[in-house]
Amino acid sequence: MPSLEETYRRYFDGFKRREWSTVMAFAHPQVIHNDRSFTPHGYVQMIQDSLVDLPSDLEASLEMLIADDKTGRVAARIRFDALSLGKASYEHVFYQFREDRIVQVWSLLQMSF
């Protein structure tokens, strides 16, 4: 069984490549994101909708990742670089995993573009 860090990195790699079926595979049948409940499809749609108005050359990278296998919790700081604008934004996000699937997400975006 892969560690929680390995599981999250696979999820994040799917997000970076915009492989939405991969992202959806990591979603529990009900995902709560900042107090809103989603199906796996709705969760992916919410992520896609959040990217619509952002620069097309946006690149995401993990600046910090902490994963606790005992509790199923992940904390990450994600850096988003808009190469054409020369600016970066950040997401500070916490996840609760159950059985290698995301059940809850708490996210705060710090946007500079």
PDB file of N, CA and C in Angstrom:
ATOM      1  N   MET A   1       0.847  -1.176   0.000  1.00  0.00           N
ATOM      2  CA  MET A   1       0.000   0.000   0.000  1.00  0.00           C
ATOM      3  C   MET A   1       0.899   1.248   0.000  1.00  0.00           C
ATOM      4  N   PRO A   2       0.639   2.200  -0.900  1.00  0.00           N
ATOM      5  CA  PRO A   2       1.490   3.396  -0.970  1.00  0.00           C
ATOM      6  C   PRO A   2       1.270   4.303   0.245  1.00  0.00           C
ATOM      7  N   SER A   3       2.282   5.063   0.569  1.00  0.00           N
ATOM      8  CA  SER A   3       2.155   6.020   1.671  1.00  0.00           C
ATOM      9  C   SER A   3       1.198   7.135   1.255  1.00  0.00           C
ATOM     10  N   LEU A   4       0.715   7.874   2.224  1.00  0.00           N
ATOM     11  CA  LEU A   4      -0.186   8.988   1.934  1.00  0.00           C
ATOM     12  C   LEU A   4       0.524  10.045   1.086  1.00  0.00           C
ATOM     13  N   GLU A   5       1.801  10.266   1.340  1.00  0.00           N
ATOM     14  CA  GLU A   5       2.556  11.218   0.520  1.00  0.00           C
ATOM     15  C   GLU A   5       2.596  10.772  -0.934  1.00  0.00           C
ATOM     16  N   GLU A   6       2.849   9.498  -1.173  1.00  0.00           N
ATOM     17  CA  GLU A   6       2.865   8.975  -2.546  1.00  0.00           C
ATOM     18  C   GLU A   6       1.488   9.112  -3.198  1.00  0.00           C
ATOM     19  N   THR A   7       0.442   8.820  -2.428  1.00  0.00           N
ATOM     20  CA  THR A   7      -0.919   8.946  -2.936  1.00  0.00           C
ATOM     21  C   THR A   7      -1.211  10.385  -3.330  1.00  0.00           C
ATOM     22  N   TYR A   8      -0.854  11.328  -2.458  1.00  0.00           N
ATOM     23  CA  TYR A   8      -1.110  12.731  -2.763  1.00  0.00           C
ATOM     24  C   TYR A   8      -0.310  13.182  -3.989  1.00  0.00           C
ATOM     25  N   ARG A   9       0.920  12.767  -4.080  1.00  0.00           N
ATOM     26  CA  ARG A   9       1.731  13.163  -5.234  1.00  0.00           C
ATOM     27  C   ARG A   9       1.134  12.641  -6.548  1.00  0.00           C
ATOM     28  N   ARG A  10       0.558  11.462  -6.531  1.00  0.00           N
ATOM     29  CA  ARG A  10      -0.114  10.945  -7.734  1.00  0.00           C
ATOM     30  C   ARG A  10      -1.338  11.807  -8.066  1.00  0.00           C
ATOM     31  N   TYR A  11      -2.089  12.176  -7.043  1.00  0.00           N
ATOM     32  CA  TYR A  11      -3.243  13.068  -7.230  1.00  0.00           C
ATOM     33  C   TYR A  11      -2.777  14.416  -7.800  1.00  0.00           C
ATOM     34  N   PHE A  12      -1.746  14.998  -7.214  1.00  0.00           N
ATOM     35  CA  PHE A  12      -1.243  16.294  -7.642  1.00  0.00           C
ATOM     36  C   PHE A  12      -0.687  16.236  -9.063  1.00  0.00           C
ATOM     37  N   ASP A  13      -0.008  15.167  -9.399  1.00  0.00           N
ATOM     38  CA  ASP A  13       0.500  15.007 -10.768  1.00  0.00           C
ATOM     39  C   ASP A  13      -0.653  14.979 -11.773  1.00  0.00           C
ATOM     40  N   GLY A  14      -1.736  14.314 -11.418  1.00  0.00           N
ATOM     41  CA  GLY A  14      -2.916  14.321 -12.283  1.00  0.00           C
ATOM     42  C   GLY A  14      -3.475  15.723 -12.450  1.00  0.00           C
ATOM     43  N   PHE A  15      -3.502  16.484 -11.355  1.00  0.00           N
ATOM     44  CA  PHE A  15      -3.958  17.866 -11.416  1.00  0.00           C
ATOM     45  C   PHE A  15      -3.046  18.696 -12.328  1.00  0.00           C
ATOM     46  N   LYS A  16      -1.747  18.574 -12.142  1.00  0.00           N
ATOM     47  CA  LYS A  16      -0.795  19.350 -12.950  1.00  0.00           C
ATOM     48  C   LYS A  16      -0.945  19.067 -14.436  1.00  0.00           C
ATOM     49  N   ARG A  17      -1.184  17.812 -14.781  1.00  0.00           N
ATOM     50  CA  ARG A  17      -1.331  17.426 -16.184  1.00  0.00           C
ATOM     51  C   ARG A  17      -2.766  17.621 -16.681  1.00  0.00           C
ATOM     52  N   ARG A  18      -3.627  18.055 -15.765  1.00  0.00           N
ATOM     53  CA  ARG A  18      -5.055  18.254 -16.070  1.00  0.00           C
ATOM     54  C   ARG A  18      -5.683  16.969 -16.606  1.00  0.00           C
ATOM     55  N   GLU A  19      -5.307  15.892 -15.975  1.00  0.00           N
ATOM     56  CA  GLU A  19      -5.895  14.577 -16.255  1.00  0.00           C
ATOM     57  C   GLU A  19      -7.043  14.394 -15.269  1.00  0.00           C
ATOM     58  N   TRP A  20      -8.194  14.879 -15.666  1.00  0.00           N
ATOM     59  CA  TRP A  20      -9.318  14.978 -14.742  1.00  0.00           C
ATOM     60  C   TRP A  20      -9.836  13.622 -14.287  1.00  0.00           C
ATOM     61  N   SER A  21      -9.701  12.593 -15.099  1.00  0.00           N
ATOM     62  CA  SER A  21     -10.138  11.261 -14.656  1.00  0.00           C
ATOM     63  C   SER A  21      -9.240  10.761 -13.514  1.00  0.00           C
ATOM     64  N   THR A  22      -7.961  11.118 -13.546  1.00  0.00           N
ATOM     65  CA  THR A  22      -7.049  10.763 -12.458  1.00  0.00           C
ATOM     66  C   THR A  22      -7.447  11.495 -11.191  1.00  0.00           C
ATOM     67  N   VAL A  23      -7.703  12.793 -11.305  1.00  0.00           N
ATOM     68  CA  VAL A  23      -8.114  13.587 -10.142  1.00  0.00           C
ATOM     69  C   VAL A  23      -9.398  13.003  -9.555  1.00  0.00           C
ATOM     70  N   MET A  24     -10.359  12.688 -10.416  1.00  0.00           N
ATOM     71  CA  MET A  24     -11.643  12.158  -9.961  1.00  0.00           C
ATOM     72  C   MET A  24     -11.475  10.822  -9.232  1.00  0.00           C
ATOM     73  N   ALA A  25     -10.507  10.023  -9.647  1.00  0.00           N
ATOM     74  CA  ALA A  25     -10.283   8.720  -9.025  1.00  0.00           C
ATOM     75  C   ALA A  25      -9.863   8.837  -7.563  1.00  0.00           C
ATOM     76  N   PHE A  26      -9.337   9.984  -7.172  1.00  0.00           N
ATOM     77  CA  PHE A  26      -8.905  10.202  -5.794  1.00  0.00           C
ATOM     78  C   PHE A  26      -9.991  10.831  -4.928  1.00  0.00           C
ATOM     79  N   ALA A  27     -11.144  11.094  -5.496  1.00  0.00           N
ATOM     80  CA  ALA A  27     -12.236  11.731  -4.752  1.00  0.00           C
ATOM     81  C   ALA A  27     -13.163  10.671  -4.160  1.00  0.00           C
ATOM     82  N   HIS A  28     -13.489  10.840  -2.916  1.00  0.00           N
ATOM     83  CA  HIS A  28     -14.480  10.006  -2.232  1.00  0.00           C
ATOM     84  C   HIS A  28     -15.843  10.274  -2.871  1.00  0.00           C
ATOM     85  N   PRO A  29     -16.806   9.370  -2.765  1.00  0.00           N
ATOM     86  CA  PRO A  29     -18.129   9.623  -3.350  1.00  0.00           C
ATOM     87  C   PRO A  29     -18.779  10.932  -2.904  1.00  0.00           C
ATOM     88  N   GLN A  30     -18.389  11.441  -1.733  1.00  0.00           N
ATOM     89  CA  GLN A  30     -18.816  12.770  -1.303  1.00  0.00           C
ATOM     90  C   GLN A  30     -17.584  13.505  -0.797  1.00  0.00           C
ATOM     91  N   VAL A  31     -17.247  14.615  -1.449  1.00  0.00           N
ATOM     92  CA  VAL A  31     -16.102  15.434  -1.060  1.00  0.00           C
ATOM     93  C   VAL A  31     -16.634  16.763  -0.551  1.00  0.00           C
ATOM     94  N   ILE A  32     -16.152  17.182   0.605  1.00  0.00           N
ATOM     95  CA  ILE A  32     -16.522  18.497   1.129  1.00  0.00           C
ATOM     96  C   ILE A  32     -15.332  19.422   0.897  1.00  0.00           C
ATOM     97  N   HIS A  33     -15.586  20.504   0.180  1.00  0.00           N
ATOM     98  CA  HIS A  33     -14.559  21.512  -0.097  1.00  0.00           C
ATOM     99  C   HIS A  33     -15.026  22.829   0.498  1.00  0.00           C
ATOM    100  N   ASN A  34     -14.315  23.302   1.501  1.00  0.00           N
ATOM    101  CA  ASN A  34     -14.683  24.555   2.185  1.00  0.00           C
ATOM    102  C   ASN A  34     -16.182  24.595   2.492  1.00  0.00           C
ATOM    103  N   ASP A  35     -16.699  23.537   3.085  1.00  0.00           N
ATOM    104  CA  ASP A  35     -18.089  23.422   3.540  1.00  0.00           C
ATOM    105  C   ASP A  35     -19.106  23.224   2.436  1.00  0.00           C
ATOM    106  N   ARG A  36     -18.673  23.004   1.197  1.00  0.00           N
ATOM    107  CA  ARG A  36     -19.591  22.679   0.102  1.00  0.00           C
ATOM    108  C   ARG A  36     -19.387  21.215  -0.269  1.00  0.00           C
ATOM    109  N   SER A  37     -20.486  20.506  -0.442  1.00  0.00           N
ATOM    110  CA  SER A  37     -20.428  19.083  -0.735  1.00  0.00           C
ATOM    111  C   SER A  37     -20.487  18.849  -2.245  1.00  0.00           C
ATOM    112  N   PHE A  38     -19.642  17.919  -2.724  1.00  0.00           N
ATOM    113  CA  PHE A  38     -19.558  17.606  -4.147  1.00  0.00           C
ATOM    114  C   PHE A  38     -19.503  16.103  -4.362  1.00  0.00           C
ATOM    115  N   THR A  39     -20.017  15.670  -5.493  1.00  0.00           N
ATOM    116  CA  THR A  39     -19.735  14.336  -6.001  1.00  0.00           C
ATOM    117  C   THR A  39     -18.324  14.396  -6.596  1.00  0.00           C
ATOM    118  N   PRO A  40     -17.714  13.267  -6.921  1.00  0.00           N
ATOM    119  CA  PRO A  40     -16.399  13.327  -7.577  1.00  0.00           C
ATOM    120  C   PRO A  40     -16.428  14.177  -8.859  1.00  0.00           C
ATOM    121  N   HIS A  41     -17.466  14.003  -9.668  1.00  0.00           N
ATOM    122  CA  HIS A  41     -17.577  14.801 -10.894  1.00  0.00           C
ATOM    123  C   HIS A  41     -17.722  16.294 -10.564  1.00  0.00           C
ATOM    124  N   GLY A  42     -18.544  16.616  -9.583  1.00  0.00           N
ATOM    125  CA  GLY A  42     -18.725  18.006  -9.180  1.00  0.00           C
ATOM    126  C   GLY A  42     -17.448  18.613  -8.616  1.00  0.00           C
ATOM    127  N   TYR A  43     -16.673  17.816  -7.897  1.00  0.00           N
ATOM    128  CA  TYR A  43     -15.396  18.278  -7.352  1.00  0.00           C
ATOM    129  C   TYR A  43     -14.436  18.659  -8.482  1.00  0.00           C
ATOM    130  N   VAL A  44     -14.325  17.790  -9.478  1.00  0.00           N
ATOM    131  CA  VAL A  44     -13.459  18.070 -10.622  1.00  0.00           C
ATOM    132  C   VAL A  44     -13.980  19.286 -11.388  1.00  0.00           C
ATOM    133  N   GLN A  45     -15.282  19.389 -11.560  1.00  0.00           N
ATOM    134  CA  GLN A  45     -15.868  20.545 -12.256  1.00  0.00           C
ATOM    135  C   GLN A  45     -15.549  21.846 -11.518  1.00  0.00           C
ATOM    136  N   MET A  46     -15.610  21.824 -10.193  1.00  0.00           N
ATOM    137  CA  MET A  46     -15.276  22.998  -9.394  1.00  0.00           C
ATOM    138  C   MET A  46     -13.815  23.403  -9.622  1.00  0.00           C
ATOM    139  N   ILE A  47     -12.919  22.433  -9.669  1.00  0.00           N
ATOM    140  CA  ILE A  47     -11.505  22.719  -9.922  1.00  0.00           C
ATOM    141  C   ILE A  47     -11.343  23.310 -11.326  1.00  0.00           C
ATOM    142  N   GLN A  48     -11.969  22.687 -12.315  1.00  0.00           N
ATOM    143  CA  GLN A  48     -11.880  23.180 -13.695  1.00  0.00           C
ATOM    144  C   GLN A  48     -12.417  24.616 -13.788  1.00  0.00           C
ATOM    145  N   ASP A  49     -13.543  24.882 -13.147  1.00  0.00           N
ATOM    146  CA  ASP A  49     -14.129  26.225 -13.177  1.00  0.00           C
ATOM    147  C   ASP A  49     -13.196  27.257 -12.564  1.00  0.00           C
ATOM    148  N   SER A  50     -12.436  26.857 -11.528  1.00  0.00           N
ATOM    149  CA  SER A  50     -11.532  27.803 -10.874  1.00  0.00           C
ATOM    150  C   SER A  50     -10.335  28.154 -11.758  1.00  0.00           C
ATOM    151  N   LEU A  51     -10.072  27.348 -12.780  1.00  0.00           N
ATOM    152  CA  LEU A  51      -8.933  27.585 -13.671  1.00  0.00           C
ATOM    153  C   LEU A  51      -9.288  28.390 -14.919  1.00  0.00           C
ATOM    154  N   VAL A  52     -10.577  28.565 -15.186  1.00  0.00           N
ATOM    155  CA  VAL A  52     -11.028  29.167 -16.444  1.00  0.00           C
ATOM    156  C   VAL A  52     -10.442  30.556 -16.684  1.00  0.00           C
ATOM    157  N   ASP A  53     -10.457  31.424 -15.700  1.00  0.00           N
ATOM    158  CA  ASP A  53     -10.016  32.809 -15.880  1.00  0.00           C
ATOM    159  C   ASP A  53      -8.528  33.021 -15.608  1.00  0.00           C
ATOM    160  N   LEU A  54      -7.796  31.945 -15.405  1.00  0.00           N
ATOM    161  CA  LEU A  54      -6.371  32.069 -15.106  1.00  0.00           C
ATOM    162  C   LEU A  54      -5.551  31.954 -16.388  1.00  0.00           C
ATOM    163  N   PRO A  55      -4.322  32.478 -16.377  1.00  0.00           N
ATOM    164  CA  PRO A  55      -3.478  32.393 -17.580  1.00  0.00           C
ATOM    165  C   PRO A  55      -3.293  30.949 -18.052  1.00  0.00           C
ATOM    166  N   SER A  56      -3.262  30.758 -19.355  1.00  0.00           N
ATOM    167  CA  SER A  56      -3.151  29.409 -19.918  1.00  0.00           C
ATOM    168  C   SER A  56      -1.779  28.779 -19.677  1.00  0.00           C
ATOM    169  N   ASP A  57      -0.768  29.606 -19.373  1.00  0.00           N
ATOM    170  CA  ASP A  57       0.573  29.069 -19.132  1.00  0.00           C
ATOM    171  C   ASP A  57       0.839  28.834 -17.638  1.00  0.00           C
ATOM    172  N   LEU A  58      -0.224  28.713 -16.867  1.00  0.00           N
ATOM    173  CA  LEU A  58      -0.107  28.501 -15.431  1.00  0.00           C
ATOM    174  C   LEU A  58       0.569  27.167 -15.131  1.00  0.00           C
ATOM    175  N   GLU A  59       1.552  27.202 -14.251  1.00  0.00           N
ATOM    176  CA  GLU A  59       2.241  25.987 -13.818  1.00  0.00           C
ATOM    177  C   GLU A  59       2.119  25.861 -12.312  1.00  0.00           C
ATOM    178  N   ALA A  60       1.850  24.655 -11.846  1.00  0.00           N
ATOM    179  CA  ALA A  60       1.695  24.390 -10.415  1.00  0.00           C
ATOM    180  C   ALA A  60       2.870  23.559  -9.919  1.00  0.00           C
ATOM    181  N   SER A  61       3.312  23.862  -8.710  1.00  0.00           N
ATOM    182  CA  SER A  61       4.370  23.074  -8.089  1.00  0.00           C
ATOM    183  C   SER A  61       4.135  23.014  -6.582  1.00  0.00           C
ATOM    184  N   LEU A  62       4.565  21.918  -5.990  1.00  0.00           N
ATOM    185  CA  LEU A  62       4.456  21.763  -4.541  1.00  0.00           C
ATOM    186  C   LEU A  62       5.652  22.429  -3.885  1.00  0.00           C
ATOM    187  N   GLU A  63       5.393  23.409  -3.048  1.00  0.00           N
ATOM    188  CA  GLU A  63       6.483  24.030  -2.295  1.00  0.00           C
ATOM    189  C   GLU A  63       6.682  23.337  -0.957  1.00  0.00           C
ATOM    190  N   MET A  64       5.590  22.820  -0.408  1.00  0.00           N
ATOM    191  CA  MET A  64       5.661  22.163   0.884  1.00  0.00           C
ATOM    192  C   MET A  64       4.588  21.080   0.931  1.00  0.00           C
ATOM    193  N   LEU A  65       4.934  19.952   1.503  1.00  0.00           N
ATOM    194  CA  LEU A  65       3.981  18.853   1.624  1.00  0.00           C
ATOM    195  C   LEU A  65       4.256  18.105   2.919  1.00  0.00           C
ATOM    196  N   ILE A  66       3.208  17.973   3.724  1.00  0.00           N
ATOM    197  CA  ILE A  66       3.283  17.196   4.957  1.00  0.00           C
ATOM    198  C   ILE A  66       2.134  16.199   4.912  1.00  0.00           C
ATOM    199  N   ALA A  67       2.437  14.935   5.071  1.00  0.00           N
ATOM    200  CA  ALA A  67       1.420  13.894   5.032  1.00  0.00           C
ATOM    201  C   ALA A  67       1.564  13.015   6.270  1.00  0.00           C
ATOM    202  N   ASP A  68       0.446  12.778   6.946  1.00  0.00           N
ATOM    203  CA  ASP A  68       0.428  11.961   8.157  1.00  0.00           C
ATOM    204  C   ASP A  68      -0.399  10.707   7.889  1.00  0.00           C
ATOM    205  N   ASP A  69       0.278   9.589   7.725  1.00  0.00           N
ATOM    206  CA  ASP A  69      -0.405   8.327   7.421  1.00  0.00           C
ATOM    207  C   ASP A  69      -1.383   7.911   8.518  1.00  0.00           C
ATOM    208  N   LYS A  70      -1.074   8.229   9.776  1.00  0.00           N
ATOM    209  CA  LYS A  70      -1.953   7.820  10.890  1.00  0.00           C
ATOM    210  C   LYS A  70      -3.305   8.506  10.830  1.00  0.00           C
ATOM    211  N   THR A  71      -3.306   9.812  10.566  1.00  0.00           N
ATOM    212  CA  THR A  71      -4.557  10.579  10.598  1.00  0.00           C
ATOM    213  C   THR A  71      -5.202  10.720   9.220  1.00  0.00           C
ATOM    214  N   GLY A  72      -4.443  10.451   8.168  1.00  0.00           N
ATOM    215  CA  GLY A  72      -4.951  10.638   6.811  1.00  0.00           C
ATOM    216  C   GLY A  72      -4.982  12.091   6.390  1.00  0.00           C
ATOM    217  N   ARG A  73      -4.215  12.929   7.056  1.00  0.00           N
ATOM    218  CA  ARG A  73      -4.216  14.364   6.749  1.00  0.00           C
ATOM    219  C   ARG A  73      -2.987  14.764   5.934  1.00  0.00           C
ATOM    220  N   VAL A  74      -3.249  15.685   5.009  1.00  0.00           N
ATOM    221  CA  VAL A  74      -2.200  16.252   4.161  1.00  0.00           C
ATOM    222  C   VAL A  74      -2.289  17.769   4.250  1.00  0.00           C
ATOM    223  N   ALA A  75      -1.141  18.406   4.357  1.00  0.00           N
ATOM    224  CA  ALA A  75      -1.057  19.865   4.281  1.00  0.00           C
ATOM    225  C   ALA A  75      -0.091  20.196   3.151  1.00  0.00           C
ATOM    226  N   ALA A  76      -0.484  21.148   2.315  1.00  0.00           N
ATOM    227  CA  ALA A  76       0.369  21.497   1.173  1.00  0.00           C
ATOM    228  C   ALA A  76       0.333  22.993   0.913  1.00  0.00           C
ATOM    229  N   ARG A  77       1.448  23.493   0.423  1.00  0.00           N
ATOM    230  CA  ARG A  77       1.527  24.849  -0.113  1.00  0.00           C
ATOM    231  C   ARG A  77       1.868  24.670  -1.587  1.00  0.00           C
ATOM    232  N   ILE A  78       0.943  25.122  -2.421  1.00  0.00           N
ATOM    233  CA  ILE A  78       1.085  24.958  -3.865  1.00  0.00           C
ATOM    234  C   ILE A  78       1.372  26.320  -4.476  1.00  0.00           C
ATOM    235  N   ARG A  79       2.394  26.376  -5.302  1.00  0.00           N
ATOM    236  CA  ARG A  79       2.762  27.612  -5.984  1.00  0.00           C
ATOM    237  C   ARG A  79       2.253  27.537  -7.422  1.00  0.00           C
ATOM    238  N   PHE A  80       1.581  28.599  -7.833  1.00  0.00           N
ATOM    239  CA  PHE A  80       1.093  28.720  -9.201  1.00  0.00           C
ATOM    240  C   PHE A  80       1.861  29.849  -9.868  1.00  0.00           C
ATOM    241  N   ASP A  81       2.603  29.534 -10.911  1.00  0.00           N
ATOM    242  CA  ASP A  81       3.365  30.532 -11.654  1.00  0.00           C
ATOM    243  C   ASP A  81       2.681  30.816 -12.978  1.00  0.00           C
ATOM    244  N   ALA A  82       2.385  32.089 -13.199  1.00  0.00           N
ATOM    245  CA  ALA A  82       1.891  32.541 -14.504  1.00  0.00           C
ATOM    246  C   ALA A  82       3.108  33.070 -15.243  1.00  0.00           C
ATOM    247  N   LEU A  83       3.680  32.244 -16.076  1.00  0.00           N
ATOM    248  CA  LEU A  83       4.952  32.575 -16.717  1.00  0.00           C
ATOM    249  C   LEU A  83       4.858  33.850 -17.550  1.00  0.00           C
ATOM    250  N   SER A  84       3.756  34.035 -18.270  1.00  0.00           N
ATOM    251  CA  SER A  84       3.606  35.221 -19.115  1.00  0.00           C
ATOM    252  C   SER A  84       3.496  36.507 -18.304  1.00  0.00           C
ATOM    253  N   LEU A  85       3.057  36.399 -17.052  1.00  0.00           N
ATOM    254  CA  LEU A  85       2.910  37.582 -16.199  1.00  0.00           C
ATOM    255  C   LEU A  85       4.080  37.782 -15.259  1.00  0.00           C
ATOM    256  N   GLY A  86       4.896  36.748 -15.110  1.00  0.00           N
ATOM    257  CA  GLY A  86       6.017  36.835 -14.182  1.00  0.00           C
ATOM    258  C   GLY A  86       5.564  36.954 -12.737  1.00  0.00           C
ATOM    259  N   LYS A  87       4.404  36.379 -12.413  1.00  0.00           N
ATOM    260  CA  LYS A  87       3.856  36.467 -11.059  1.00  0.00           C
ATOM    261  C   LYS A  87       3.529  35.070 -10.536  1.00  0.00           C
ATOM    262  N   ALA A  88       3.505  34.980  -9.218  1.00  0.00           N
ATOM    263  CA  ALA A  88       3.147  33.719  -8.572  1.00  0.00           C
ATOM    264  C   ALA A  88       1.991  33.948  -7.607  1.00  0.00           C
ATOM    265  N   SER A  89       1.179  32.927  -7.465  1.00  0.00           N
ATOM    266  CA  SER A  89       0.114  32.891  -6.471  1.00  0.00           C
ATOM    267  C   SER A  89       0.253  31.585  -5.707  1.00  0.00           C
ATOM    268  N   TYR A  90      -0.438  31.492  -4.590  1.00  0.00           N
ATOM    269  CA  TYR A  90      -0.283  30.327  -3.725  1.00  0.00           C
ATOM    270  C   TYR A  90      -1.621  29.808  -3.249  1.00  0.00           C
ATOM    271  N   GLU A  91      -1.655  28.505  -3.031  1.00  0.00           N
ATOM    272  CA  GLU A  91      -2.784  27.877  -2.364  1.00  0.00           C
ATOM    273  C   GLU A  91      -2.241  27.168  -1.134  1.00  0.00           C
ATOM    274  N   HIS A  92      -2.888  27.426  -0.004  1.00  0.00           N
ATOM    275  CA  HIS A  92      -2.581  26.738   1.245  1.00  0.00           C
ATOM    276  C   HIS A  92      -3.765  25.800   1.471  1.00  0.00           C
ATOM    277  N   VAL A  93      -3.504  24.498   1.503  1.00  0.00           N
ATOM    278  CA  VAL A  93      -4.611  23.552   1.468  1.00  0.00           C
ATOM    279  C   VAL A  93      -4.356  22.373   2.403  1.00  0.00           C
ATOM    280  N   PHE A  94      -5.427  21.950   3.040  1.00  0.00           N
ATOM    281  CA  PHE A  94      -5.408  20.781   3.910  1.00  0.00           C
ATOM    282  C   PHE A  94      -6.412  19.776   3.361  1.00  0.00           C
ATOM    283  N   TYR A  95      -6.059  18.508   3.421  1.00  0.00           N
ATOM    284  CA  TYR A  95      -6.911  17.436   2.928  1.00  0.00           C
ATOM    285  C   TYR A  95      -7.110  16.409   4.031  1.00  0.00           C
ATOM    286  N   GLN A  96      -8.280  15.801   4.035  1.00  0.00           N
ATOM    287  CA  GLN A  96      -8.531  14.628   4.852  1.00  0.00           C
ATOM    288  C   GLN A  96      -8.774  13.472   3.899  1.00  0.00           C
ATOM    289  N   PHE A  97      -7.955  12.437   3.993  1.00  0.00           N
ATOM    290  CA  PHE A  97      -8.092  11.246   3.163  1.00  0.00           C
ATOM    291  C   PHE A  97      -8.703  10.117   3.991  1.00  0.00           C
ATOM    292  N   ARG A  98      -9.485   9.295   3.334  1.00  0.00           N
ATOM    293  CA  ARG A  98      -9.984   8.058   3.922  1.00  0.00           C
ATOM    294  C   ARG A  98      -9.877   6.999   2.832  1.00  0.00           C
ATOM    295  N   GLU A  99      -9.173   5.917   3.144  1.00  0.00           N
ATOM    296  CA  GLU A  99      -8.986   4.822   2.181  1.00  0.00           C
ATOM    297  C   GLU A  99      -8.443   5.333   0.850  1.00  0.00           C
ATOM    298  N   ASP A 100      -7.410   6.171   0.924  1.00  0.00           N
ATOM    299  CA  ASP A 100      -6.709   6.724  -0.249  1.00  0.00           C
ATOM    300  C   ASP A 100      -7.578   7.635  -1.104  1.00  0.00           C
ATOM    301  N   ARG A 101      -8.660   8.157  -0.541  1.00  0.00           N
ATOM    302  CA  ARG A 101      -9.528   9.073  -1.278  1.00  0.00           C
ATOM    303  C   ARG A 101      -9.774  10.326  -0.443  1.00  0.00           C
ATOM    304  N   ILE A 102      -9.917  11.432  -1.135  1.00  0.00           N
ATOM    305  CA  ILE A 102     -10.138  12.720  -0.478  1.00  0.00           C
ATOM    306  C   ILE A 102     -11.592  12.807  -0.027  1.00  0.00           C
ATOM    307  N   VAL A 103     -11.787  13.078   1.272  1.00  0.00           N
ATOM    308  CA  VAL A 103     -13.141  13.260   1.793  1.00  0.00           C
ATOM    309  C   VAL A 103     -13.419  14.717   2.151  1.00  0.00           C
ATOM    310  N   GLN A 104     -12.361  15.468   2.474  1.00  0.00           N
ATOM    311  CA  GLN A 104     -12.566  16.872   2.819  1.00  0.00           C
ATOM    312  C   GLN A 104     -11.334  17.692   2.442  1.00  0.00           C
ATOM    313  N   VAL A 105     -11.614  18.933   2.002  1.00  0.00           N
ATOM    314  CA  VAL A 105     -10.557  19.863   1.590  1.00  0.00           C
ATOM    315  C   VAL A 105     -10.854  21.223   2.212  1.00  0.00           C
ATOM    316  N   TRP A 106      -9.812  21.814   2.808  1.00  0.00           N
ATOM    317  CA  TRP A 106      -9.891  23.197   3.284  1.00  0.00           C
ATOM    318  C   TRP A 106      -8.832  23.960   2.510  1.00  0.00           C
ATOM    319  N   SER A 107      -9.257  24.978   1.768  1.00  0.00           N
ATOM    320  CA  SER A 107      -8.358  25.646   0.835  1.00  0.00           C
ATOM    321  C   SER A 107      -8.446  27.155   0.963  1.00  0.00           C
ATOM    322  N   LEU A 108      -7.292  27.797   0.902  1.00  0.00           N
ATOM    323  CA  LEU A 108      -7.218  29.254   0.890  1.00  0.00           C
ATOM    324  C   LEU A 108      -6.265  29.674  -0.219  1.00  0.00           C
ATOM    325  N   LEU A 109      -6.768  30.474  -1.158  1.00  0.00           N
ATOM    326  CA  LEU A 109      -5.949  30.952  -2.268  1.00  0.00           C
ATOM    327  C   LEU A 109      -5.439  32.358  -1.984  1.00  0.00           C
ATOM    328  N   GLN A 110      -4.193  32.584  -2.307  1.00  0.00           N
ATOM    329  CA  GLN A 110      -3.571  33.903  -2.208  1.00  0.00           C
ATOM    330  C   GLN A 110      -3.207  34.286  -3.636  1.00  0.00           C
ATOM    331  N   MET A 111      -4.110  35.015  -4.295  1.00  0.00           N
ATOM    332  CA  MET A 111      -3.938  35.314  -5.714  1.00  0.00           C
ATOM    333  C   MET A 111      -3.254  36.673  -5.915  1.00  0.00           C
ATOM    334  N   SER A 112      -2.295  36.697  -6.837  1.00  0.00           N
ATOM    335  CA  SER A 112      -1.629  37.960  -7.183  1.00  0.00           C
ATOM    336  C   SER A 112      -1.777  38.282  -8.673  1.00  0.00           C
ATOM    337  N   PHE A 113      -2.598  37.512  -9.374  1.00  0.00           N
ATOM    338  CA  PHE A 113      -2.860  37.819 -10.789  1.00  0.00           C
ATOM    339  C   PHE A 113      -4.321  37.582 -11.078  1.00  0.00           C
TER     340      PHE A 113
END
